Amino acid sequence: MFLEQLKQITTFIFDIDGVLTNGDIIASDSGEFLRTFNIKDGYALQLAVKRGYRVCILSGGKGESMLKRFTGLGIINIFLGVSDKVEVYHRLCADQEISASEVLYMGDDIPDLKVMKLVGLATCPADAVPEIKAISQYISPYTGGRTAVRDIIEKVLRVQGKWFDENPSAADSGK
């Protein structure tokens, strides 16, 4: 069943804090909140975009540095500062004619719970909270910010025969 679900995925939606980062935030003296991202996750994200998948970022977090990171990877659908993830999810699916069975969502905490119940494939990092693990069809063995995103993207692309890049660029994951 899980492999069949992977074959249907056309759209990835990722939370940021605790999924694309380890959940730690550094508060700078200027008031900016700093996060670290994994370069291997970045490679997988940009490859998914190149392969024609919709990659969406859906987060309550916000900041210019996050916007720059994701646009640099070729991601167009970036929703930051979101208080109602379900509303944004429904709007995205309606606007782009996406069915729930095509959507993989990776979240890690309670703000992701409602939207994860709506998608075709709910996934989470190894260090997600128990409530999220309980509804996830796949729990990555990797933690947030430490290649959980790469893990699930690679699984989908491998099952669909789209993983290997014959001409990778060393610059692809660091944009």
N, C-alpha and C. Protein backbone atom coordinates (compact mmCIF):
# COMPACT_ATOMS: atom_id res chain seq x y z
N MET A 1 0.82 -1.20 0.00
CA MET A 1 0.00 0.00 0.00
C MET A 1 0.86 1.27 0.00
N PHE A 2 1.90 1.31 0.85
CA PHE A 2 2.76 2.49 0.93
C PHE A 2 3.42 2.78 -0.41
N LEU A 3 3.96 1.76 -1.07
CA LEU A 3 4.61 1.97 -2.37
C LEU A 3 3.61 2.48 -3.40
N GLU A 4 2.39 1.99 -3.37
CA GLU A 4 1.36 2.47 -4.29
C GLU A 4 1.05 3.94 -4.04
N GLN A 5 1.02 4.33 -2.77
CA GLN A 5 0.78 5.74 -2.44
C GLN A 5 1.92 6.60 -2.99
N LEU A 6 3.16 6.13 -2.88
CA LEU A 6 4.30 6.89 -3.38
C LEU A 6 4.20 7.13 -4.88
N LYS A 7 3.65 6.17 -5.60
CA LYS A 7 3.52 6.29 -7.06
C LYS A 7 2.56 7.40 -7.48
N GLN A 8 1.64 7.78 -6.59
CA GLN A 8 0.63 8.79 -6.92
C GLN A 8 1.07 10.22 -6.61
N ILE A 9 2.17 10.38 -5.90
CA ILE A 9 2.55 11.72 -5.42
C ILE A 9 3.04 12.62 -6.55
N THR A 10 2.44 13.80 -6.62
CA THR A 10 2.87 14.85 -7.56
C THR A 10 3.23 16.13 -6.81
N THR A 11 2.84 16.17 -5.53
CA THR A 11 2.97 17.40 -4.76
C THR A 11 3.52 17.10 -3.37
N PHE A 12 4.57 17.81 -3.00
CA PHE A 12 5.16 17.72 -1.67
C PHE A 12 4.84 19.01 -0.92
N ILE A 13 4.40 18.88 0.33
CA ILE A 13 4.22 20.05 1.19
C ILE A 13 5.03 19.81 2.45
N PHE A 14 5.85 20.79 2.79
CA PHE A 14 6.72 20.67 3.97
C PHE A 14 6.52 21.85 4.92
N ASP A 15 6.44 21.53 6.19
CA ASP A 15 6.56 22.52 7.25
C ASP A 15 8.04 22.88 7.33
N ILE A 16 8.37 23.96 8.00
CA ILE A 16 9.79 24.35 8.11
C ILE A 16 10.37 23.92 9.45
N ASP A 17 9.94 24.56 10.52
CA ASP A 17 10.56 24.32 11.83
C ASP A 17 10.25 22.92 12.35
N GLY A 18 11.29 22.13 12.53
CA GLY A 18 11.14 20.76 12.99
C GLY A 18 11.08 19.75 11.86
N VAL A 19 10.98 20.22 10.62
CA VAL A 19 10.98 19.35 9.45
C VAL A 19 12.18 19.67 8.57
N LEU A 20 12.21 20.89 8.04
CA LEU A 20 13.35 21.33 7.24
C LEU A 20 14.47 21.89 8.11
N THR A 21 14.18 22.11 9.38
CA THR A 21 15.19 22.50 10.36
C THR A 21 15.07 21.56 11.55
N ASN A 22 16.03 21.63 12.45
CA ASN A 22 15.94 20.77 13.64
C ASN A 22 15.02 21.35 14.71
N GLY A 23 14.44 22.50 14.44
CA GLY A 23 13.51 23.12 15.37
C GLY A 23 14.15 24.16 16.27
N ASP A 24 15.47 24.23 16.27
CA ASP A 24 16.14 25.24 17.06
C ASP A 24 16.09 26.59 16.34
N ILE A 25 15.93 27.65 17.10
CA ILE A 25 15.96 29.00 16.54
C ILE A 25 16.97 29.80 17.34
N ILE A 26 17.83 30.50 16.64
CA ILE A 26 18.80 31.38 17.28
C ILE A 26 18.26 32.80 17.14
N ALA A 27 18.11 33.49 18.26
CA ALA A 27 17.63 34.87 18.24
C ALA A 27 18.85 35.79 18.21
N SER A 28 18.98 36.56 17.15
CA SER A 28 20.11 37.47 17.03
C SER A 28 19.83 38.77 17.77
N ASP A 29 20.87 39.55 18.01
CA ASP A 29 20.71 40.84 18.67
C ASP A 29 19.82 41.79 17.87
N SER A 30 19.79 41.60 16.56
CA SER A 30 18.96 42.47 15.72
C SER A 30 17.49 42.07 15.75
N GLY A 31 17.18 40.94 16.40
CA GLY A 31 15.80 40.49 16.47
C GLY A 31 15.44 39.47 15.41
N GLU A 32 16.38 39.16 14.54
CA GLU A 32 16.14 38.16 13.51
C GLU A 32 16.28 36.77 14.12
N PHE A 33 15.42 35.86 13.66
CA PHE A 33 15.51 34.47 14.10
C PHE A 33 16.24 33.67 13.03
N LEU A 34 17.28 32.97 13.41
CA LEU A 34 18.12 32.24 12.47
C LEU A 34 17.87 30.74 12.58
N ARG A 35 17.88 30.08 11.43
CA ARG A 35 17.67 28.63 11.36
C ARG A 35 18.76 28.04 10.47
N THR A 36 19.04 26.76 10.65
CA THR A 36 19.97 26.08 9.75
C THR A 36 19.20 25.05 8.93
N PHE A 37 19.63 24.90 7.68
CA PHE A 37 19.01 23.95 6.76
C PHE A 37 20.06 22.96 6.30
N ASN A 38 19.63 21.74 6.00
CA ASN A 38 20.54 20.69 5.58
C ASN A 38 20.73 20.74 4.07
N ILE A 39 21.96 20.68 3.63
CA ILE A 39 22.28 20.79 2.21
C ILE A 39 21.75 19.60 1.40
N LYS A 40 21.68 18.43 2.02
CA LYS A 40 21.14 17.24 1.32
C LYS A 40 19.63 17.37 1.12
N ASP A 41 18.95 17.95 2.10
CA ASP A 41 17.53 18.24 1.90
C ASP A 41 17.37 19.22 0.73
N GLY A 42 18.25 20.21 0.67
CA GLY A 42 18.20 21.20 -0.41
C GLY A 42 18.37 20.56 -1.77
N TYR A 43 19.30 19.62 -1.87
CA TYR A 43 19.51 18.94 -3.15
C TYR A 43 18.24 18.21 -3.58
N ALA A 44 17.62 17.48 -2.65
CA ALA A 44 16.41 16.74 -2.98
C ALA A 44 15.27 17.67 -3.36
N LEU A 45 15.13 18.78 -2.66
CA LEU A 45 14.07 19.75 -2.98
C LEU A 45 14.22 20.29 -4.39
N GLN A 46 15.42 20.75 -4.74
CA GLN A 46 15.60 21.33 -6.07
C GLN A 46 15.45 20.27 -7.16
N LEU A 47 15.86 19.03 -6.87
CA LEU A 47 15.71 17.96 -7.86
C LEU A 47 14.23 17.65 -8.09
N ALA A 48 13.44 17.63 -7.02
CA ALA A 48 12.00 17.40 -7.17
C ALA A 48 11.38 18.49 -8.04
N VAL A 49 11.78 19.73 -7.83
CA VAL A 49 11.28 20.84 -8.65
C VAL A 49 11.68 20.62 -10.11
N LYS A 50 12.94 20.29 -10.36
CA LYS A 50 13.42 20.05 -11.72
C LYS A 50 12.67 18.91 -12.40
N ARG A 51 12.26 17.92 -11.61
CA ARG A 51 11.55 16.76 -12.15
C ARG A 51 10.05 17.02 -12.36
N GLY A 52 9.61 18.24 -12.06
CA GLY A 52 8.23 18.61 -12.33
C GLY A 52 7.26 18.43 -11.19
N TYR A 53 7.74 18.11 -10.02
CA TYR A 53 6.86 18.01 -8.86
C TYR A 53 6.55 19.39 -8.33
N ARG A 54 5.36 19.53 -7.75
CA ARG A 54 5.04 20.75 -7.02
C ARG A 54 5.66 20.59 -5.64
N VAL A 55 6.46 21.54 -5.23
CA VAL A 55 7.03 21.55 -3.89
C VAL A 55 6.52 22.81 -3.21
N CYS A 56 5.89 22.62 -2.06
CA CYS A 56 5.28 23.73 -1.35
C CYS A 56 5.84 23.81 0.07
N ILE A 57 6.04 25.01 0.51
CA ILE A 57 6.45 25.27 1.89
C ILE A 57 5.27 25.91 2.58
N LEU A 58 4.87 25.35 3.72
CA LEU A 58 3.70 25.82 4.45
C LEU A 58 4.06 25.92 5.92
N SER A 59 4.23 27.15 6.41
CA SER A 59 4.77 27.32 7.76
C SER A 59 4.20 28.53 8.47
N GLY A 60 4.11 28.41 9.76
CA GLY A 60 3.76 29.56 10.59
C GLY A 60 4.94 30.50 10.75
N GLY A 61 6.15 29.98 10.52
CA GLY A 61 7.35 30.80 10.61
C GLY A 61 7.44 31.76 9.43
N LYS A 62 8.25 32.80 9.60
CA LYS A 62 8.42 33.75 8.51
C LYS A 62 9.79 34.41 8.62
N GLY A 63 10.22 34.95 7.52
CA GLY A 63 11.50 35.64 7.49
C GLY A 63 12.05 35.69 6.08
N GLU A 64 12.70 36.78 5.77
CA GLU A 64 13.27 36.98 4.44
C GLU A 64 14.30 35.92 4.09
N SER A 65 15.08 35.48 5.07
CA SER A 65 16.11 34.47 4.79
C SER A 65 15.48 33.14 4.36
N MET A 66 14.35 32.79 4.93
CA MET A 66 13.68 31.55 4.53
C MET A 66 13.14 31.67 3.10
N LEU A 67 12.56 32.81 2.81
CA LEU A 67 12.05 33.04 1.45
C LEU A 67 13.18 32.93 0.43
N LYS A 68 14.32 33.52 0.72
CA LYS A 68 15.47 33.46 -0.18
C LYS A 68 15.97 32.02 -0.34
N ARG A 69 16.03 31.28 0.75
CA ARG A 69 16.48 29.89 0.69
C ARG A 69 15.62 29.08 -0.27
N PHE A 70 14.31 29.17 -0.13
CA PHE A 70 13.42 28.33 -0.92
C PHE A 70 13.27 28.80 -2.36
N THR A 71 13.23 30.10 -2.59
CA THR A 71 13.18 30.57 -3.98
C THR A 71 14.48 30.22 -4.70
N GLY A 72 15.60 30.22 -3.98
CA GLY A 72 16.88 29.82 -4.56
C GLY A 72 16.91 28.37 -5.00
N LEU A 73 16.05 27.55 -4.42
CA LEU A 73 15.95 26.14 -4.81
C LEU A 73 14.91 25.92 -5.90
N GLY A 74 14.28 27.01 -6.35
CA GLY A 74 13.30 26.91 -7.42
C GLY A 74 11.87 26.69 -6.95
N ILE A 75 11.64 26.79 -5.66
CA ILE A 75 10.30 26.57 -5.12
C ILE A 75 9.48 27.85 -5.30
N ILE A 76 8.28 27.67 -5.83
CA ILE A 76 7.39 28.81 -6.12
C ILE A 76 6.32 28.95 -5.05
N ASN A 77 5.76 27.85 -4.62
CA ASN A 77 4.65 27.85 -3.66
C ASN A 77 5.19 27.91 -2.24
N ILE A 78 5.39 29.13 -1.75
CA ILE A 78 5.94 29.35 -0.42
C ILE A 78 4.94 30.16 0.39
N PHE A 79 4.44 29.55 1.47
CA PHE A 79 3.45 30.19 2.32
C PHE A 79 4.03 30.31 3.71
N LEU A 80 4.41 31.52 4.09
CA LEU A 80 5.04 31.78 5.39
C LEU A 80 4.09 32.61 6.26
N GLY A 81 4.24 32.49 7.57
CA GLY A 81 3.40 33.25 8.49
C GLY A 81 1.95 32.79 8.48
N VAL A 82 1.74 31.52 8.16
CA VAL A 82 0.39 30.97 8.01
C VAL A 82 -0.18 30.58 9.37
N SER A 83 -1.38 31.05 9.66
CA SER A 83 -2.04 30.66 10.91
C SER A 83 -3.05 29.54 10.68
N ASP A 84 -3.61 29.43 9.47
CA ASP A 84 -4.57 28.39 9.15
C ASP A 84 -4.06 27.56 7.97
N LYS A 85 -3.34 26.50 8.28
CA LYS A 85 -2.73 25.67 7.24
C LYS A 85 -3.79 24.95 6.39
N VAL A 86 -4.91 24.60 6.99
CA VAL A 86 -5.97 23.91 6.26
C VAL A 86 -6.53 24.82 5.16
N GLU A 87 -6.77 26.07 5.48
CA GLU A 87 -7.31 27.01 4.49
C GLU A 87 -6.34 27.18 3.32
N VAL A 88 -5.06 27.33 3.60
CA VAL A 88 -4.06 27.48 2.55
C VAL A 88 -3.97 26.20 1.71
N TYR A 89 -4.02 25.05 2.37
CA TYR A 89 -4.00 23.76 1.66
C TYR A 89 -5.18 23.65 0.70
N HIS A 90 -6.38 23.94 1.17
CA HIS A 90 -7.57 23.86 0.30
C HIS A 90 -7.45 24.82 -0.87
N ARG A 91 -6.98 26.03 -0.63
CA ARG A 91 -6.83 27.02 -1.70
C ARG A 91 -5.80 26.54 -2.73
N LEU A 92 -4.67 26.01 -2.26
CA LEU A 92 -3.64 25.49 -3.16
C LEU A 92 -4.20 24.39 -4.04
N CYS A 93 -4.88 23.43 -3.43
CA CYS A 93 -5.44 22.31 -4.19
C CYS A 93 -6.48 22.78 -5.20
N ALA A 94 -7.32 23.72 -4.82
CA ALA A 94 -8.34 24.23 -5.74
C ALA A 94 -7.69 25.01 -6.89
N ASP A 95 -6.77 25.90 -6.56
CA ASP A 95 -6.14 26.75 -7.58
C ASP A 95 -5.32 25.94 -8.58
N GLN A 96 -4.68 24.86 -8.12
CA GLN A 96 -3.80 24.09 -9.00
C GLN A 96 -4.38 22.73 -9.39
N GLU A 97 -5.65 22.52 -9.07
CA GLU A 97 -6.37 21.29 -9.41
C GLU A 97 -5.60 20.04 -8.96
N ILE A 98 -5.30 20.02 -7.68
CA ILE A 98 -4.57 18.91 -7.07
C ILE A 98 -5.55 18.09 -6.24
N SER A 99 -5.53 16.77 -6.41
CA SER A 99 -6.37 15.92 -5.56
C SER A 99 -5.57 15.50 -4.34
N ALA A 100 -6.26 15.25 -3.25
CA ALA A 100 -5.61 14.89 -1.99
C ALA A 100 -4.70 13.68 -2.15
N SER A 101 -5.07 12.71 -2.98
CA SER A 101 -4.27 11.49 -3.14
C SER A 101 -2.90 11.76 -3.73
N GLU A 102 -2.70 12.92 -4.36
CA GLU A 102 -1.42 13.28 -4.97
C GLU A 102 -0.48 13.98 -4.00
N VAL A 103 -0.97 14.31 -2.80
CA VAL A 103 -0.24 15.18 -1.88
C VAL A 103 0.44 14.39 -0.77
N LEU A 104 1.73 14.66 -0.60
CA LEU A 104 2.50 14.17 0.54
C LEU A 104 2.81 15.38 1.42
N TYR A 105 2.51 15.27 2.69
CA TYR A 105 2.79 16.35 3.64
C TYR A 105 3.71 15.81 4.72
N MET A 106 4.76 16.57 5.04
CA MET A 106 5.61 16.20 6.17
C MET A 106 5.51 17.30 7.21
N GLY A 107 5.04 16.90 8.39
CA GLY A 107 4.92 17.81 9.52
C GLY A 107 5.47 17.16 10.77
N ASP A 108 5.57 17.94 11.83
CA ASP A 108 6.18 17.40 13.05
C ASP A 108 5.45 17.74 14.34
N ASP A 109 4.48 18.68 14.30
CA ASP A 109 3.88 19.12 15.55
C ASP A 109 2.40 19.44 15.36
N ILE A 110 1.74 19.77 16.44
CA ILE A 110 0.29 19.96 16.48
C ILE A 110 -0.25 20.90 15.40
N PRO A 111 0.42 22.02 15.05
CA PRO A 111 -0.13 22.87 13.99
C PRO A 111 -0.26 22.17 12.63
N ASP A 112 0.39 21.04 12.45
CA ASP A 112 0.31 20.29 11.20
C ASP A 112 -0.80 19.24 11.20
N LEU A 113 -1.34 18.93 12.35
CA LEU A 113 -2.24 17.79 12.53
C LEU A 113 -3.45 17.82 11.60
N LYS A 114 -4.20 18.92 11.59
CA LYS A 114 -5.44 18.96 10.80
C LYS A 114 -5.18 18.80 9.31
N VAL A 115 -4.17 19.48 8.80
CA VAL A 115 -3.90 19.38 7.36
C VAL A 115 -3.36 18.00 7.01
N MET A 116 -2.61 17.39 7.90
CA MET A 116 -2.07 16.06 7.62
C MET A 116 -3.17 15.01 7.51
N LYS A 117 -4.29 15.24 8.16
CA LYS A 117 -5.42 14.31 8.07
C LYS A 117 -6.14 14.40 6.73
N LEU A 118 -5.85 15.44 5.95
CA LEU A 118 -6.54 15.67 4.68
C LEU A 118 -5.77 15.15 3.46
N VAL A 119 -4.48 14.94 3.60
CA VAL A 119 -3.64 14.62 2.44
C VAL A 119 -3.60 13.11 2.16
N GLY A 120 -3.11 12.77 0.97
CA GLY A 120 -3.00 11.37 0.59
C GLY A 120 -1.96 10.60 1.38
N LEU A 121 -0.85 11.27 1.73
CA LEU A 121 0.22 10.59 2.45
C LEU A 121 0.81 11.53 3.49
N ALA A 122 0.52 11.24 4.75
CA ALA A 122 1.04 12.02 5.87
C ALA A 122 2.34 11.37 6.34
N THR A 123 3.39 12.19 6.47
CA THR A 123 4.70 11.70 6.88
C THR A 123 5.28 12.62 7.94
N CYS A 124 6.30 12.12 8.64
CA CYS A 124 6.92 12.96 9.66
C CYS A 124 8.36 12.52 9.92
N PRO A 125 9.16 13.41 10.50
CA PRO A 125 10.52 13.04 10.93
C PRO A 125 10.45 12.14 12.17
N ALA A 126 11.55 11.49 12.48
CA ALA A 126 11.63 10.58 13.63
C ALA A 126 11.34 11.27 14.95
N ASP A 127 11.62 12.57 15.04
CA ASP A 127 11.44 13.28 16.30
C ASP A 127 10.14 14.10 16.36
N ALA A 128 9.17 13.73 15.55
CA ALA A 128 7.86 14.39 15.61
C ALA A 128 7.18 14.06 16.93
N VAL A 129 6.20 14.87 17.29
CA VAL A 129 5.45 14.62 18.53
C VAL A 129 4.57 13.38 18.35
N PRO A 130 4.19 12.72 19.45
CA PRO A 130 3.41 11.48 19.36
C PRO A 130 2.11 11.59 18.56
N GLU A 131 1.41 12.71 18.68
CA GLU A 131 0.14 12.88 17.95
C GLU A 131 0.36 12.86 16.45
N ILE A 132 1.47 13.40 15.98
CA ILE A 132 1.77 13.40 14.55
C ILE A 132 2.22 12.01 14.10
N LYS A 133 3.04 11.37 14.90
CA LYS A 133 3.45 10.00 14.56
C LYS A 133 2.24 9.08 14.45
N ALA A 134 1.26 9.27 15.29
CA ALA A 134 0.08 8.41 15.31
C ALA A 134 -0.73 8.47 14.02
N ILE A 135 -0.70 9.60 13.31
CA ILE A 135 -1.48 9.72 12.06
C ILE A 135 -0.62 9.60 10.81
N SER A 136 0.68 9.43 10.96
CA SER A 136 1.58 9.37 9.80
C SER A 136 1.63 7.96 9.22
N GLN A 137 1.55 7.89 7.90
CA GLN A 137 1.71 6.61 7.21
C GLN A 137 3.17 6.24 7.06
N TYR A 138 4.05 7.24 7.21
CA TYR A 138 5.49 6.97 7.14
C TYR A 138 6.19 7.88 8.14
N ILE A 139 7.06 7.27 8.97
CA ILE A 139 7.90 8.01 9.90
C ILE A 139 9.33 7.81 9.45
N SER A 140 9.96 8.87 9.01
CA SER A 140 11.35 8.78 8.56
C SER A 140 12.24 8.36 9.72
N PRO A 141 13.27 7.58 9.45
CA PRO A 141 14.23 7.27 10.51
C PRO A 141 15.13 8.46 10.84
N TYR A 142 15.02 9.54 10.06
CA TYR A 142 15.84 10.73 10.24
C TYR A 142 15.04 11.82 10.95
N THR A 143 15.74 12.67 11.67
CA THR A 143 15.07 13.74 12.41
C THR A 143 14.92 14.99 11.54
N GLY A 144 14.11 15.92 12.02
CA GLY A 144 13.91 17.17 11.32
C GLY A 144 15.22 17.93 11.16
N GLY A 145 15.42 18.46 9.95
CA GLY A 145 16.65 19.20 9.67
C GLY A 145 17.86 18.32 9.45
N ARG A 146 17.68 17.03 9.52
CA ARG A 146 18.79 16.07 9.38
C ARG A 146 18.44 15.00 8.35
N THR A 147 17.94 15.42 7.22
CA THR A 147 17.65 14.63 6.01
C THR A 147 16.35 13.83 6.03
N ALA A 148 15.42 14.15 6.90
CA ALA A 148 14.09 13.52 6.82
C ALA A 148 13.41 13.90 5.50
N VAL A 149 13.60 15.14 5.07
CA VAL A 149 13.01 15.61 3.81
C VAL A 149 13.66 14.88 2.63
N ARG A 150 14.95 14.79 2.62
CA ARG A 150 15.65 14.05 1.56
C ARG A 150 15.16 12.62 1.51
N ASP A 151 15.01 11.99 2.66
CA ASP A 151 14.57 10.60 2.75
C ASP A 151 13.25 10.39 2.01
N ILE A 152 12.26 11.21 2.29
CA ILE A 152 10.94 10.97 1.69
C ILE A 152 10.91 11.38 0.22
N ILE A 153 11.59 12.46 -0.15
CA ILE A 153 11.64 12.83 -1.56
C ILE A 153 12.34 11.74 -2.36
N GLU A 154 13.45 11.25 -1.85
CA GLU A 154 14.19 10.20 -2.55
C GLU A 154 13.33 8.95 -2.73
N LYS A 155 12.56 8.58 -1.71
CA LYS A 155 11.69 7.40 -1.82
C LYS A 155 10.68 7.58 -2.95
N VAL A 156 10.02 8.74 -3.00
CA VAL A 156 9.03 9.00 -4.03
C VAL A 156 9.68 8.98 -5.41
N LEU A 157 10.78 9.70 -5.57
CA LEU A 157 11.41 9.78 -6.88
C LEU A 157 11.98 8.44 -7.33
N ARG A 158 12.50 7.66 -6.41
CA ARG A 158 13.00 6.32 -6.77
C ARG A 158 11.86 5.42 -7.24
N VAL A 159 10.76 5.41 -6.51
CA VAL A 159 9.62 4.58 -6.89
C VAL A 159 9.08 4.99 -8.26
N GLN A 160 9.15 6.29 -8.55
CA GLN A 160 8.65 6.79 -9.83
C GLN A 160 9.73 6.83 -10.92
N GLY A 161 10.93 6.33 -10.62
CA GLY A 161 12.00 6.27 -11.60
C GLY A 161 12.58 7.62 -11.98
N LYS A 162 12.56 8.58 -11.05
CA LYS A 162 13.01 9.94 -11.36
C LYS A 162 14.12 10.44 -10.43
N TRP A 163 14.74 9.57 -9.67
CA TRP A 163 15.71 10.02 -8.67
C TRP A 163 17.04 10.45 -9.24
N PHE A 164 17.69 9.60 -9.99
CA PHE A 164 19.08 9.85 -10.37
C PHE A 164 19.19 10.99 -11.36
N ASP A 165 20.13 11.88 -11.10
CA ASP A 165 20.40 13.02 -11.98
C ASP A 165 21.70 12.75 -12.73
N GLU A 166 21.60 12.57 -14.03
CA GLU A 166 22.77 12.25 -14.86
C GLU A 166 23.81 13.39 -14.87
N ASN A 167 23.36 14.62 -14.72
CA ASN A 167 24.24 15.78 -14.78
C ASN A 167 24.05 16.70 -13.58
N PRO A 168 24.40 16.22 -12.39
CA PRO A 168 24.20 17.09 -11.22
C PRO A 168 25.18 18.24 -11.21
N SER A 169 24.71 19.35 -10.64
CA SER A 169 25.58 20.50 -10.47
C SER A 169 25.92 20.62 -9.00
N ALA A 170 27.16 20.91 -8.70
CA ALA A 170 27.57 21.08 -7.31
C ALA A 170 26.86 22.27 -6.67
N ALA A 171 26.36 23.17 -7.48
CA ALA A 171 25.70 24.36 -6.94
C ALA A 171 24.21 24.13 -6.62
N ASP A 172 23.64 23.01 -7.06
CA ASP A 172 22.20 22.82 -6.93
C ASP A 172 21.66 22.89 -5.52
N SER A 173 22.32 22.31 -4.55
CA SER A 173 21.74 22.25 -3.21
C SER A 173 22.08 23.45 -2.35
N GLY A 174 23.01 24.25 -2.78
CA GLY A 174 23.45 25.35 -1.94
C GLY A 174 22.87 26.70 -2.27
N LYS A 175 21.90 26.74 -3.17
CA LYS A 175 21.34 28.03 -3.60
C LYS A 175 20.61 28.73 -2.48
